[in-house]
Amino acid sequence: GWDLREIDGYTIISHGGSINGYQTQLTAVPAKGVAIAIMTNSGRGSAAIRPIEEALLQELCGLKAAEPPRVNLPPELLERYAGRYLQQFSSVDISVEGDGLSAVVALTDPVFGPPDPWPPVHLRPISEREFLVTDGASAGSRVDFIPNPDGSVRFIRMGGRLGERA
């Protein structure tokens, strides 16, 4: 689906994708008549996509996103998010680290088997259920947790994909 966000009152629409060592991002600001297409030939192209998108939004549209707020969450709330989540082509292991979370992503390949997991990334809380990736190729991206009706955690949304708690 499309990612919708707002900067300075303008709606930003974007969607990214990846396959076989390529990553892409299409971003549009309809009210400004601007569309940005970014294509990389790297499985970790998101490390380049985010800063390029931010620079072009500022240069072409005069838009710069505000830094997300810092939020302190109690340890028992952070513990609720710890565990393994399964996405279509990866697993995500979440653990508590200091005043935030740590995520380790391991891609799964039905033909070649699992590769080594990616290095851990740190997640800083910016609301009760939303976190900001602070390092690694996905620095600046957001991760959120989606609860069941009873408040227990059902899904993680990371990299634009849902992962169900294992």
N, C-alpha and C. Protein backbone atom coordinates (compact mmCIF):
# COMPACT_ATOMS: atom_id res chain seq x y z
N GLY A 1 0.82 -1.19 0.00
CA GLY A 1 0.00 0.00 0.00
C GLY A 1 0.86 1.24 0.00
N TRP A 2 0.18 2.34 -0.05
CA TRP A 2 0.83 3.65 -0.06
C TRP A 2 1.08 4.13 1.36
N ASP A 3 2.23 4.75 1.57
CA ASP A 3 2.56 5.37 2.85
C ASP A 3 2.13 6.82 2.75
N LEU A 4 1.30 7.27 3.68
CA LEU A 4 0.84 8.65 3.71
C LEU A 4 1.41 9.33 4.94
N ARG A 5 2.00 10.50 4.74
CA ARG A 5 2.48 11.29 5.87
C ARG A 5 2.30 12.76 5.53
N GLU A 6 2.49 13.60 6.52
CA GLU A 6 2.29 15.02 6.31
C GLU A 6 3.52 15.78 6.79
N ILE A 7 3.95 16.75 5.99
CA ILE A 7 5.03 17.66 6.38
C ILE A 7 4.53 19.07 6.11
N ASP A 8 4.55 19.90 7.13
CA ASP A 8 4.13 21.31 7.01
C ASP A 8 2.76 21.45 6.33
N GLY A 9 1.85 20.54 6.62
CA GLY A 9 0.50 20.62 6.05
C GLY A 9 0.35 20.03 4.66
N TYR A 10 1.42 19.54 4.07
CA TYR A 10 1.36 18.93 2.74
C TYR A 10 1.36 17.40 2.87
N THR A 11 0.48 16.75 2.12
CA THR A 11 0.42 15.30 2.12
C THR A 11 1.53 14.75 1.23
N ILE A 12 2.29 13.81 1.78
CA ILE A 12 3.36 13.13 1.05
C ILE A 12 2.88 11.69 0.85
N ILE A 13 2.91 11.22 -0.38
CA ILE A 13 2.50 9.86 -0.73
C ILE A 13 3.74 9.12 -1.23
N SER A 14 3.99 7.93 -0.69
CA SER A 14 5.18 7.21 -1.16
C SER A 14 4.95 5.70 -1.10
N HIS A 15 5.74 5.01 -1.87
CA HIS A 15 5.73 3.55 -1.86
C HIS A 15 7.09 3.08 -2.34
N GLY A 16 7.64 2.12 -1.62
CA GLY A 16 8.93 1.56 -2.00
C GLY A 16 8.81 0.09 -2.30
N GLY A 17 9.85 -0.45 -2.86
CA GLY A 17 9.85 -1.87 -3.17
C GLY A 17 11.26 -2.38 -3.31
N SER A 18 11.39 -3.70 -3.22
CA SER A 18 12.70 -4.31 -3.41
C SER A 18 12.52 -5.72 -3.96
N ILE A 19 13.47 -6.10 -4.80
CA ILE A 19 13.49 -7.45 -5.34
C ILE A 19 14.89 -7.72 -5.91
N ASN A 20 15.41 -8.88 -5.64
CA ASN A 20 16.65 -9.37 -6.25
C ASN A 20 17.77 -8.33 -6.28
N GLY A 21 18.01 -7.66 -5.16
CA GLY A 21 19.14 -6.74 -5.09
C GLY A 21 18.85 -5.34 -5.58
N TYR A 22 17.60 -4.98 -5.77
CA TYR A 22 17.22 -3.63 -6.18
C TYR A 22 16.25 -3.07 -5.16
N GLN A 23 16.37 -1.77 -4.88
CA GLN A 23 15.39 -1.09 -4.03
C GLN A 23 14.99 0.21 -4.70
N THR A 24 13.70 0.54 -4.58
CA THR A 24 13.16 1.73 -5.23
C THR A 24 12.24 2.48 -4.28
N GLN A 25 11.98 3.72 -4.62
CA GLN A 25 11.04 4.54 -3.85
C GLN A 25 10.40 5.54 -4.80
N LEU A 26 9.08 5.64 -4.76
CA LEU A 26 8.34 6.67 -5.48
C LEU A 26 7.68 7.54 -4.44
N THR A 27 7.93 8.84 -4.51
CA THR A 27 7.37 9.80 -3.57
C THR A 27 6.72 10.92 -4.35
N ALA A 28 5.52 11.32 -3.93
CA ALA A 28 4.81 12.41 -4.61
C ALA A 28 4.27 13.40 -3.59
N VAL A 29 4.30 14.67 -3.98
CA VAL A 29 3.67 15.74 -3.22
C VAL A 29 2.65 16.36 -4.18
N PRO A 30 1.43 15.83 -4.22
CA PRO A 30 0.45 16.26 -5.22
C PRO A 30 0.20 17.77 -5.24
N ALA A 31 0.11 18.40 -4.08
CA ALA A 31 -0.19 19.83 -4.03
C ALA A 31 0.93 20.68 -4.62
N LYS A 32 2.13 20.15 -4.68
CA LYS A 32 3.27 20.86 -5.27
C LYS A 32 3.54 20.41 -6.70
N GLY A 33 2.82 19.38 -7.18
CA GLY A 33 3.05 18.87 -8.53
C GLY A 33 4.41 18.22 -8.70
N VAL A 34 4.90 17.59 -7.63
CA VAL A 34 6.24 17.00 -7.65
C VAL A 34 6.15 15.49 -7.42
N ALA A 35 6.90 14.74 -8.21
CA ALA A 35 7.06 13.30 -8.00
C ALA A 35 8.55 12.99 -8.08
N ILE A 36 9.00 12.11 -7.20
CA ILE A 36 10.41 11.74 -7.12
C ILE A 36 10.50 10.22 -7.24
N ALA A 37 11.29 9.73 -8.19
CA ALA A 37 11.53 8.29 -8.32
C ALA A 37 13.01 8.04 -8.05
N ILE A 38 13.28 7.15 -7.10
CA ILE A 38 14.65 6.82 -6.74
C ILE A 38 14.82 5.32 -6.93
N MET A 39 15.86 4.93 -7.66
CA MET A 39 16.12 3.52 -7.93
C MET A 39 17.56 3.19 -7.57
N THR A 40 17.77 2.08 -6.87
CA THR A 40 19.12 1.66 -6.52
C THR A 40 19.33 0.22 -6.97
N ASN A 41 20.56 -0.13 -7.20
CA ASN A 41 20.88 -1.53 -7.53
C ASN A 41 21.63 -2.16 -6.36
N SER A 42 21.01 -2.03 -5.18
CA SER A 42 21.58 -2.60 -3.96
C SER A 42 20.45 -3.10 -3.08
N GLY A 43 20.65 -4.25 -2.50
CA GLY A 43 19.67 -4.79 -1.58
C GLY A 43 19.55 -3.97 -0.31
N ARG A 44 20.48 -3.08 -0.10
CA ARG A 44 20.43 -2.17 1.05
C ARG A 44 20.40 -0.72 0.58
N GLY A 45 19.74 -0.51 -0.53
CA GLY A 45 19.64 0.82 -1.12
C GLY A 45 18.91 1.83 -0.27
N SER A 46 18.14 1.35 0.72
CA SER A 46 17.41 2.29 1.58
C SER A 46 18.36 3.23 2.31
N ALA A 47 19.62 2.82 2.48
CA ALA A 47 20.60 3.70 3.11
C ALA A 47 20.81 4.95 2.28
N ALA A 48 20.64 4.87 0.97
CA ALA A 48 20.77 6.03 0.09
C ALA A 48 19.42 6.68 -0.18
N ILE A 49 18.37 5.88 -0.24
CA ILE A 49 17.05 6.41 -0.62
C ILE A 49 16.57 7.48 0.34
N ARG A 50 16.62 7.23 1.64
CA ARG A 50 16.07 8.18 2.62
C ARG A 50 16.75 9.55 2.54
N PRO A 51 18.09 9.64 2.59
CA PRO A 51 18.69 10.98 2.52
C PRO A 51 18.47 11.67 1.17
N ILE A 52 18.41 10.90 0.08
CA ILE A 52 18.12 11.51 -1.23
C ILE A 52 16.71 12.07 -1.23
N GLU A 53 15.75 11.29 -0.75
CA GLU A 53 14.36 11.76 -0.69
C GLU A 53 14.25 13.02 0.16
N GLU A 54 14.87 13.02 1.34
CA GLU A 54 14.81 14.19 2.22
C GLU A 54 15.40 15.43 1.55
N ALA A 55 16.55 15.27 0.89
CA ALA A 55 17.19 16.40 0.22
C ALA A 55 16.33 16.94 -0.92
N LEU A 56 15.72 16.04 -1.71
CA LEU A 56 14.89 16.48 -2.82
C LEU A 56 13.59 17.12 -2.35
N LEU A 57 12.99 16.61 -1.29
CA LEU A 57 11.79 17.24 -0.76
C LEU A 57 12.09 18.66 -0.29
N GLN A 58 13.26 18.85 0.31
CA GLN A 58 13.63 20.19 0.76
C GLN A 58 13.96 21.09 -0.43
N GLU A 59 14.74 20.59 -1.38
CA GLU A 59 15.16 21.39 -2.54
C GLU A 59 13.99 21.73 -3.47
N LEU A 60 13.15 20.74 -3.79
CA LEU A 60 12.09 20.94 -4.77
C LEU A 60 10.80 21.49 -4.18
N CYS A 61 10.55 21.20 -2.90
CA CYS A 61 9.26 21.58 -2.31
C CYS A 61 9.39 22.48 -1.09
N GLY A 62 10.61 22.68 -0.60
CA GLY A 62 10.79 23.48 0.60
C GLY A 62 10.26 22.79 1.86
N LEU A 63 10.23 21.46 1.85
CA LEU A 63 9.67 20.70 2.97
C LEU A 63 10.76 19.95 3.72
N LYS A 64 10.76 20.11 5.04
CA LYS A 64 11.71 19.39 5.89
C LYS A 64 10.93 18.85 7.09
N ALA A 65 10.98 17.54 7.26
CA ALA A 65 10.26 16.90 8.36
C ALA A 65 10.90 17.27 9.70
N ALA A 66 10.05 17.49 10.69
CA ALA A 66 10.54 17.78 12.04
C ALA A 66 11.09 16.50 12.67
N GLU A 67 12.05 16.67 13.54
CA GLU A 67 12.60 15.52 14.28
C GLU A 67 11.51 14.96 15.18
N PRO A 68 11.26 13.65 15.14
CA PRO A 68 10.24 13.06 16.01
C PRO A 68 10.59 13.27 17.49
N PRO A 69 9.57 13.38 18.34
CA PRO A 69 9.83 13.63 19.77
C PRO A 69 10.50 12.43 20.43
N ARG A 70 11.20 12.71 21.52
CA ARG A 70 11.76 11.63 22.34
C ARG A 70 10.72 11.29 23.40
N VAL A 71 10.47 9.99 23.57
CA VAL A 71 9.48 9.52 24.54
C VAL A 71 10.15 8.49 25.43
N ASN A 72 9.91 8.58 26.71
CA ASN A 72 10.41 7.57 27.65
C ASN A 72 9.28 6.61 27.98
N LEU A 73 9.50 5.33 27.71
CA LEU A 73 8.50 4.31 28.01
C LEU A 73 8.97 3.46 29.18
N PRO A 74 8.05 3.05 30.04
CA PRO A 74 8.45 2.19 31.16
C PRO A 74 8.92 0.83 30.66
N PRO A 75 9.85 0.21 31.38
CA PRO A 75 10.40 -1.09 30.94
C PRO A 75 9.34 -2.14 30.67
N GLU A 76 8.26 -2.18 31.46
CA GLU A 76 7.23 -3.20 31.25
C GLU A 76 6.51 -3.01 29.92
N LEU A 77 6.39 -1.78 29.45
CA LEU A 77 5.78 -1.55 28.14
C LEU A 77 6.73 -1.99 27.04
N LEU A 78 8.02 -1.68 27.17
CA LEU A 78 9.00 -2.14 26.19
C LEU A 78 9.02 -3.66 26.11
N GLU A 79 8.92 -4.33 27.25
CA GLU A 79 8.93 -5.80 27.29
C GLU A 79 7.78 -6.41 26.49
N ARG A 80 6.65 -5.70 26.42
CA ARG A 80 5.50 -6.22 25.65
C ARG A 80 5.85 -6.43 24.19
N TYR A 81 6.79 -5.64 23.66
CA TYR A 81 7.14 -5.72 22.24
C TYR A 81 8.20 -6.77 21.95
N ALA A 82 8.91 -7.23 22.97
CA ALA A 82 10.00 -8.20 22.77
C ALA A 82 9.44 -9.52 22.24
N GLY A 83 10.16 -10.11 21.29
CA GLY A 83 9.75 -11.40 20.74
C GLY A 83 10.11 -11.50 19.27
N ARG A 84 9.64 -12.56 18.65
CA ARG A 84 9.91 -12.82 17.23
C ARG A 84 8.65 -12.54 16.42
N TYR A 85 8.86 -11.88 15.27
CA TYR A 85 7.78 -11.57 14.34
C TYR A 85 8.16 -12.13 12.98
N LEU A 86 7.20 -12.70 12.29
CA LEU A 86 7.46 -13.32 10.99
C LEU A 86 6.79 -12.54 9.88
N GLN A 87 7.63 -12.04 8.95
CA GLN A 87 7.15 -11.38 7.74
C GLN A 87 7.25 -12.39 6.60
N GLN A 88 6.77 -12.00 5.43
CA GLN A 88 6.74 -12.94 4.31
C GLN A 88 8.12 -13.51 3.98
N PHE A 89 9.13 -12.67 3.95
CA PHE A 89 10.47 -13.12 3.56
C PHE A 89 11.53 -12.86 4.62
N SER A 90 11.11 -12.65 5.87
CA SER A 90 12.09 -12.38 6.92
C SER A 90 11.50 -12.66 8.29
N SER A 91 12.40 -12.76 9.25
CA SER A 91 11.99 -12.79 10.66
C SER A 91 12.62 -11.57 11.32
N VAL A 92 11.95 -11.05 12.34
CA VAL A 92 12.44 -9.89 13.07
C VAL A 92 12.43 -10.26 14.55
N ASP A 93 13.60 -10.23 15.18
CA ASP A 93 13.70 -10.51 16.61
C ASP A 93 13.88 -9.19 17.35
N ILE A 94 12.94 -8.90 18.25
CA ILE A 94 12.94 -7.66 19.01
C ILE A 94 13.32 -7.96 20.45
N SER A 95 14.24 -7.16 21.00
CA SER A 95 14.60 -7.28 22.41
C SER A 95 14.72 -5.88 23.01
N VAL A 96 14.60 -5.82 24.32
CA VAL A 96 14.74 -4.54 25.03
C VAL A 96 16.23 -4.24 25.16
N GLU A 97 16.58 -3.00 24.86
CA GLU A 97 17.97 -2.56 25.02
C GLU A 97 17.97 -1.14 25.57
N GLY A 98 18.38 -1.00 26.81
CA GLY A 98 18.39 0.31 27.44
C GLY A 98 16.99 0.89 27.52
N ASP A 99 16.83 2.13 27.03
CA ASP A 99 15.52 2.78 27.07
C ASP A 99 14.77 2.64 25.74
N GLY A 100 15.18 1.65 24.93
CA GLY A 100 14.52 1.41 23.64
C GLY A 100 14.51 -0.07 23.31
N LEU A 101 14.50 -0.36 22.03
CA LEU A 101 14.47 -1.74 21.56
C LEU A 101 15.61 -1.98 20.58
N SER A 102 15.92 -3.24 20.37
CA SER A 102 16.89 -3.66 19.36
C SER A 102 16.17 -4.62 18.42
N ALA A 103 16.44 -4.51 17.13
CA ALA A 103 15.82 -5.38 16.13
C ALA A 103 16.90 -6.07 15.32
N VAL A 104 16.75 -7.38 15.15
CA VAL A 104 17.64 -8.15 14.28
C VAL A 104 16.77 -8.78 13.20
N VAL A 105 17.06 -8.42 11.95
CA VAL A 105 16.29 -8.94 10.81
C VAL A 105 17.10 -10.03 10.13
N ALA A 106 16.45 -11.14 9.82
CA ALA A 106 17.09 -12.22 9.06
C ALA A 106 16.17 -12.55 7.89
N LEU A 107 16.71 -12.42 6.69
CA LEU A 107 15.93 -12.75 5.49
C LEU A 107 15.77 -14.25 5.40
N THR A 108 14.65 -14.69 4.86
CA THR A 108 14.44 -16.12 4.65
C THR A 108 14.29 -16.37 3.16
N ASP A 109 14.93 -17.40 2.67
CA ASP A 109 14.89 -17.74 1.25
C ASP A 109 14.52 -19.21 1.13
N PRO A 110 13.37 -19.52 0.53
CA PRO A 110 12.94 -20.92 0.45
C PRO A 110 13.88 -21.80 -0.37
N VAL A 111 14.70 -21.23 -1.23
CA VAL A 111 15.59 -22.02 -2.07
C VAL A 111 16.96 -22.19 -1.42
N PHE A 112 17.55 -21.07 -0.99
CA PHE A 112 18.93 -21.10 -0.50
C PHE A 112 19.04 -21.15 1.02
N GLY A 113 17.94 -21.05 1.73
CA GLY A 113 17.98 -21.09 3.18
C GLY A 113 18.30 -19.73 3.77
N PRO A 114 18.38 -19.66 5.08
CA PRO A 114 18.58 -18.36 5.73
C PRO A 114 20.03 -17.88 5.65
N PRO A 115 20.25 -16.62 5.28
CA PRO A 115 21.60 -16.05 5.35
C PRO A 115 21.88 -15.60 6.78
N ASP A 116 23.06 -15.07 7.00
CA ASP A 116 23.37 -14.51 8.31
C ASP A 116 22.43 -13.34 8.57
N PRO A 117 22.01 -13.16 9.83
CA PRO A 117 21.15 -12.01 10.14
C PRO A 117 21.89 -10.71 9.92
N TRP A 118 21.14 -9.66 9.63
CA TRP A 118 21.72 -8.33 9.50
C TRP A 118 22.17 -7.85 10.88
N PRO A 119 23.07 -6.89 10.93
CA PRO A 119 23.48 -6.34 12.24
C PRO A 119 22.26 -5.75 12.96
N PRO A 120 22.26 -5.79 14.28
CA PRO A 120 21.12 -5.23 15.02
C PRO A 120 21.00 -3.73 14.78
N VAL A 121 19.76 -3.25 14.80
CA VAL A 121 19.50 -1.81 14.73
C VAL A 121 18.76 -1.42 16.00
N HIS A 122 18.93 -0.17 16.38
CA HIS A 122 18.31 0.33 17.60
C HIS A 122 17.05 1.10 17.26
N LEU A 123 16.03 0.92 18.10
CA LEU A 123 14.74 1.56 17.90
C LEU A 123 14.46 2.48 19.09
N ARG A 124 14.30 3.77 18.79
CA ARG A 124 14.03 4.76 19.84
C ARG A 124 12.53 5.05 19.87
N PRO A 125 11.88 4.97 21.04
CA PRO A 125 10.44 5.24 21.08
C PRO A 125 10.12 6.70 20.76
N ILE A 126 9.10 6.89 19.90
CA ILE A 126 8.62 8.24 19.60
C ILE A 126 7.14 8.38 19.95
N SER A 127 6.51 7.28 20.33
CA SER A 127 5.16 7.28 20.91
C SER A 127 5.02 5.94 21.62
N GLU A 128 3.85 5.66 22.16
CA GLU A 128 3.68 4.41 22.90
C GLU A 128 3.87 3.18 22.03
N ARG A 129 3.53 3.28 20.73
CA ARG A 129 3.62 2.11 19.84
C ARG A 129 4.54 2.32 18.65
N GLU A 130 5.13 3.50 18.50
CA GLU A 130 5.93 3.79 17.31
C GLU A 130 7.37 4.09 17.71
N PHE A 131 8.30 3.58 16.87
CA PHE A 131 9.73 3.70 17.15
C PHE A 131 10.45 4.19 15.90
N LEU A 132 11.58 4.86 16.11
CA LEU A 132 12.42 5.36 15.03
C LEU A 132 13.70 4.53 14.99
N VAL A 133 14.05 4.03 13.80
CA VAL A 133 15.32 3.32 13.62
C VAL A 133 16.43 4.37 13.66
N THR A 134 17.41 4.19 14.54
CA THR A 134 18.43 5.22 14.73
C THR A 134 19.76 4.93 14.05
N ASP A 135 19.93 3.72 13.50
CA ASP A 135 21.21 3.40 12.87
C ASP A 135 21.02 2.36 11.78
N GLY A 136 22.09 2.05 11.08
CA GLY A 136 22.02 1.05 10.01
C GLY A 136 21.43 1.61 8.73
N ALA A 137 21.23 0.74 7.76
CA ALA A 137 20.75 1.14 6.44
C ALA A 137 19.35 1.74 6.48
N SER A 138 18.56 1.40 7.49
CA SER A 138 17.18 1.90 7.58
C SER A 138 17.04 3.07 8.55
N ALA A 139 18.15 3.70 8.95
CA ALA A 139 18.08 4.82 9.89
C ALA A 139 17.08 5.85 9.40
N GLY A 140 16.24 6.31 10.32
CA GLY A 140 15.23 7.31 9.98
C GLY A 140 13.88 6.71 9.66
N SER A 141 13.82 5.41 9.40
CA SER A 141 12.52 4.79 9.11
C SER A 141 11.80 4.51 10.43
N ARG A 142 10.50 4.26 10.31
CA ARG A 142 9.68 4.04 11.50
C ARG A 142 9.21 2.60 11.57
N VAL A 143 9.05 2.14 12.79
CA VAL A 143 8.55 0.80 13.10
C VAL A 143 7.41 0.99 14.08
N ASP A 144 6.29 0.31 13.84
CA ASP A 144 5.23 0.38 14.83
C ASP A 144 4.67 -0.99 15.13
N PHE A 145 4.02 -1.08 16.27
CA PHE A 145 3.45 -2.33 16.75
C PHE A 145 1.94 -2.18 16.79
N ILE A 146 1.24 -3.18 16.30
CA ILE A 146 -0.21 -3.13 16.19
C ILE A 146 -0.80 -4.15 17.16
N PRO A 147 -1.68 -3.67 18.07
CA PRO A 147 -2.19 -4.56 19.11
C PRO A 147 -3.44 -5.34 18.70
N ASN A 148 -3.68 -6.41 19.44
CA ASN A 148 -4.95 -7.12 19.42
C ASN A 148 -5.96 -6.29 20.21
N PRO A 149 -7.25 -6.61 20.11
CA PRO A 149 -8.24 -5.88 20.91
C PRO A 149 -7.97 -5.94 22.42
N ASP A 150 -7.32 -7.01 22.90
CA ASP A 150 -7.04 -7.12 24.34
C ASP A 150 -5.77 -6.37 24.76
N GLY A 151 -5.09 -5.71 23.80
CA GLY A 151 -3.90 -4.93 24.11
C GLY A 151 -2.59 -5.66 23.90
N SER A 152 -2.63 -6.98 23.76
CA SER A 152 -1.39 -7.72 23.46
C SER A 152 -0.94 -7.38 22.04
N VAL A 153 0.34 -7.56 21.77
CA VAL A 153 0.88 -7.17 20.47
C VAL A 153 0.64 -8.28 19.45
N ARG A 154 0.08 -7.91 18.31
CA ARG A 154 -0.20 -8.89 17.26
C ARG A 154 0.79 -8.80 16.10
N PHE A 155 1.10 -7.56 15.66
CA PHE A 155 1.93 -7.35 14.48
C PHE A 155 3.02 -6.33 14.74
N ILE A 156 4.08 -6.43 13.96
CA ILE A 156 5.05 -5.36 13.80
C ILE A 156 4.91 -4.89 12.35
N ARG A 157 5.04 -3.57 12.15
CA ARG A 157 5.11 -3.04 10.79
C ARG A 157 6.50 -2.44 10.65
N MET A 158 7.31 -3.07 9.78
CA MET A 158 8.71 -2.67 9.61
C MET A 158 9.05 -2.82 8.14
N GLY A 159 9.67 -1.81 7.58
CA GLY A 159 10.02 -1.88 6.16
C GLY A 159 8.80 -1.95 5.27
N GLY A 160 7.69 -1.36 5.73
CA GLY A 160 6.47 -1.35 4.92
C GLY A 160 5.73 -2.68 4.90
N ARG A 161 6.13 -3.62 5.75
CA ARG A 161 5.49 -4.95 5.76
C ARG A 161 5.06 -5.32 7.17
N LEU A 162 3.92 -6.01 7.24
CA LEU A 162 3.45 -6.52 8.52
C LEU A 162 4.13 -7.85 8.84
N GLY A 163 4.43 -8.04 10.10
CA GLY A 163 4.94 -9.32 10.57
C GLY A 163 4.13 -9.76 11.77
N GLU A 164 3.62 -10.98 11.74
CA GLU A 164 2.81 -11.47 12.86
C GLU A 164 3.71 -12.03 13.94
N ARG A 165 3.30 -11.80 15.17
CA ARG A 165 4.07 -12.32 16.30
C ARG A 165 4.07 -13.84 16.26
N ALA A 166 5.24 -14.43 16.43
CA ALA A 166 5.37 -15.90 16.37
C ALA A 166 4.95 -16.53 17.68
